[in-house]
Structure formats: structure tokens, C-alpha cells
Amino acid sequence: MTLLSFLLQASWPLLTLSIVAGLVSGGCSAGLLALIGRAIAADPESVAIGVPYFVVLGILAPVSAIVSQLALIRLSQTAVLNLRLHLARQILRSDLQRIETLGAPRLLATLTDDVQMIAIAISTLPLICIDLAVVVGCFGYIAVLSWQVLLMVVALMVVAMGSCIVLIRKGKYWLTRSRNEQDRLYEHFRTIAAGFKELKLHRHRRHAFFDQELLGSADRFRRQNERGLMYVTVTSSWGKFIFVLAMGFILFSLPKIMTVPPTTLSSYIVIFTYLMLPLEKLVAKLPIFSQANVALEKIDQLGLSVSAERSTAINTKLQRSPAQSPTPQPHDRPWHSLELRQISHTYHSDSDDRPFTLGPIDLRLTPGEIVFIVGGNGSGKSTLAKLITGLYTPDQGEIAIDRWVITDADRDNYRQYFAAIFADFYLFERLLGLDRPDRTPSDLDRLAQEYITTLQLDRKVQIHAGQLSTTALSQGQRKRLALLTALLEDRPIYVFDEWAADQDPQFKDLFYREVLPELKRRGKTTIAITHDDRYFDLADRVITLEDRQIKTDRSTQLTQFT
């Protein structure tokens, strides 16, 4: 997608208004220039006749320029806002595997740098429209003076623009490479933040990371960006040189080729002097549009194209959800069984580049069960949990709740059956989305504070209007806050991925002997990935994974579903 098509999607009326107003402003500026040229060559009486035209054009030029810039300011800010929101919506609608493949650094680079570059390019459009109109108007005035000179100037312009386009393409190539390298550089910056402790404790690793990873990537980014910007600079200087050459031709060579009256020559000098600045700015702005197109290409490569569906098109107005009570969800209805039928899924292990296939898996869950899933590293426990919760889509087989077979269209509704805490959980600072018709905000605060006290976090954390006072806690304490949120969600099925791994014995006992039995008493199904074999007797079933398949189900032999 090009920048122009993006803006047309955003708001073609505003874009049209901005361009037309810019052209009017530039045309008025060119008209003023023509009046000045005529005034130099004309008698005082003719000059007096042109005064009203000069006044009108002198007022219209800045007014239309202001209109053009205001229209494009509105367009650019709205377009960039909607682009960011659209990308955020598309990310939230994407599959977990797609987001894991893209990686957080690449997404952040797109949402910040790429969008910002597009915004910069859009902001230059009014000035370009004005400068372009000035150039066209000046060329028109040159045509009035001499069509032969116009042909010479146009030929020179074609040579200048053609050579500039070649240079811009070279610059775009290197800027694209530097933008790709920037993704890797952001990944190294993320490593510094996430792996700070490990780097601090190991001097050789720290030095190796800096010298072999960060330094190399940063230097490649510098060199590639430097080359791209070098072509940008050469383009601007080359264009300026061509225009200076044109002025020199008019001054020194044209009088030898053809007879040029001194007054006409003075007009040429005024025109070319006036043309220098807008032409120079036009050439200088071309690389910005090249960089913006690189940014749009990077967005398209994410598979989150800004060419949205009708329901989420960029030109839709920003809407907020009305304040109302949540409507009943599918998971509010009673259910009797959840079945995984011959489920299989191919995934990549963190420890190996080879793909692995989990399954085929047959599994049946019922309300009120406590199910433990155990197995060695790489056996597929977390992948199975993501399949059960609908975060991963199975490659083969099907999932059904009672007679409801889950399809892609149903998957988001299906996911609402689950509350989960994964090993790489994220802790929100506010209790978002937990409002219910039968629970006021004050009731939510009161219930949350009760859980905070039960989990022995009341000395560190308070709750007010759904806002946690802090999340800057140890990993074990943060997991307890995540448990608080999960309990407040009150979903039919709970999934805990090694929740107790970071807890001391007191809170392990609380989790296994109090929290899980309480969930069972309330009819909730609990799936816990765990290695705490001392608590296995508390489970209704213990499922063992081995070689990415279910090896045993301690309490119930697997039933094959057809």
C-alpha cells in the first residue's frame, strides 16, 4: 500500500480539500510572482492597474495555505490515530502463534517508529502541494514569456527528476535493510531489560552479548541507515545543482542563443530565484515519502494490513463502548462435558529448531473436576493447555462442549469459558472487564480486598476503584495477584500452568488444599500443570504426558471418541 492510497482510505474529502487549497495557495504565489515580473518591465500606470490583483492574491495565498495545512493536520492526526487503533485491534484478533512468531520487538517497532514515520510524511503534504503549485504556476509564466525556454527547462527538469528517482530507489533499498535490522536491534534491547540479572552475573556472557550481538547489530543498522541517508542527501544536493545549472544557462547561455530583452531576462532571473526554494524542498521531501512507503510495507509484512474489513475500516469513526451492563455470555450457560477428539498440533520447542507434533490427544473434562497434568520438559503440557483454552488452533481433530463443536467463528466465545494463569502471565494494574450486573464497583473492591487479605498481600497492596496500588512485587507475590484476578473472573474452567512453582510451602498448601477444593465445591473445573507430587492425592485425575501424547490417566482410562 502506498501513502496516497492510505490517505484516501483515511478521508478522501479532507485530502482533496488539502490538496486543492494547497494548489490554490501555490497558484496565488505564482500569480504574485507574475505580477512582480510585469511590474519590473511595465510603466507606472500599468503597475497601478495590477494593485487590486496583488492585494487579492496576497490575501488568498496565505489563507488557502492555512486551510490546506489545517485540513491535513486533521487528516494526519485522525489517520495516524486510527492506524494505531486498527493495528492494535488486528493484533488482539490475531492467533497467539502469529503474535509469538512476530515477537514483541517487531510489533513495538511497528507501532512506534513505522507509524511515526507515516505521520511525518503526512505532515509534509500541504507544503508539497503549495510548492508544487508554485512550480506549475512559474512554469506557466515561463511559457507566456517563451515556449522555447519552457521546453528547455522542462527537459532539464525531466533529467533532474529521473536521476533523483534513481538515487531515491537506491536510498530506499538501504533504508529498508536498516529498518529490518532495527527489528533485531530492538530484540537485543529487550534482552538487556529481560536478561539483566543473567548478564550482570556472568561477565563473559555480558561482554560476548555486547560485542557479538548488540554491537554488530547496532553497527549494521548505522551503516545501512547511513547509506540510505547518504543517497537522500545526494538527491537533494543533485537536484539543487541541476536548478543552479538551469539558472546559469538562462543568465549566460540563453542571450547567446536567442535575443532576450533585458526586462524579460530580469523576469527569468526573478522566476528562477523564486523557483529555487520550492524545487529544492520538493526534492528534499521525496525521500520522506520513500521512508513512509517502507514503513507501510513493514506493516503489510506483519499480516496486519491497514486495508481493513468494512467493519474496521480506517475511515470509521472512533467509537467507545456505551456504558451498559454486560450481556449474557455463552459460558454463563450450564455445560456437561468438554471433549478433545483426536487433537493434534505442530509446534516449535524453545530448545530445538525442529517442529514437534502434540497428539493425537483424546480428552474429556467434566464440571467440578480437579485435573493435574504432569510430564517432563518438552512433553507438551503448556501447548496442551493452550489448545484446551483455545489460544492455539488444532491442526487436526475437533473440540466440543456438549454438542457444540468449536469452529474458528466460535473460538473467541469458547475462550470465555476459561480463566488461566500461564507461566509467562501478564499482571494488569486495574481489574479490567470484571464488572457484572450483580456486582457493583464497591462490591468488586470489597471482594478483591478479601482475596488480597487471604493471600497475605494486604500489607503491600490495596485496591481502590478497581486499581491496584502496586504490582512491583516478587514473582510469587505477583502470581498471587494474578490468582486474585482469576478468581474474580469466576469462569467455569480454570487453568494453572505451574502456578505453585514460585510459592513457599505455606502458599502451596493454600493453593492445593484450599483454593482448588473451593473451586471444586463451586462446580468449577480446574486443570493444573504441576510437578508437586505430594499433592497428587487431591486431584480427581492425574494425566501424564510423554513424547507429546497422553501416556496415562490415573483415575479414568481414556475413551476414544468418534
Foldseek 3Di string as FASTA:
>chain_A
DALVVLLVLQPVVLVVLLLVLLLLLLLLVLVLLLLVLCVLVDDPVVNVVCVVSNVVSVVSNVVSLVSNLVSLVVSLVLLLVLLLVLLVVLVVVDFPVLDVVCDDLLSVCLSPVLSVLSSVLSNCVSLLSNLVSNVVSLLVSVVVLPVVLSVVVVVLVVVLVVVLVVLLVQLLVLLLVLSVLSSQLSVLVVCCVVVVVVLVVDVVVVVCCVVVRNVVSVVSSVVSNVSSVVSLVCSLVSQLVSLVVSLCCLVPPVCVVDPDDPSRSVSVNSSSVVSNVSSSVNSNSVSSSSSSVSSQVSCVVSVSHQCDDPVSHSNDDDDDDDDDADDDAPQVDDFFKKWWAQFKAWDADPVDRDIAMFDRATDMDGWLFEEEEEEDPPLCPVVVVCCSLLSDPTPDTWMDTPPRTDDPVCSVSSNLLEQEDAPPGDFDQFLPPLDHPVADLVNLQVLLCVLCVVLVNNVPWHADSRGIPDCPDDPLVNLSNSVSSSVSSPHQEYEYEASCVPPDPVVVCCVLVPVSNVSSVVRHYYYYHHDPVVSVVSGQWYWYGDSSYTDDIVNDDGDRDD
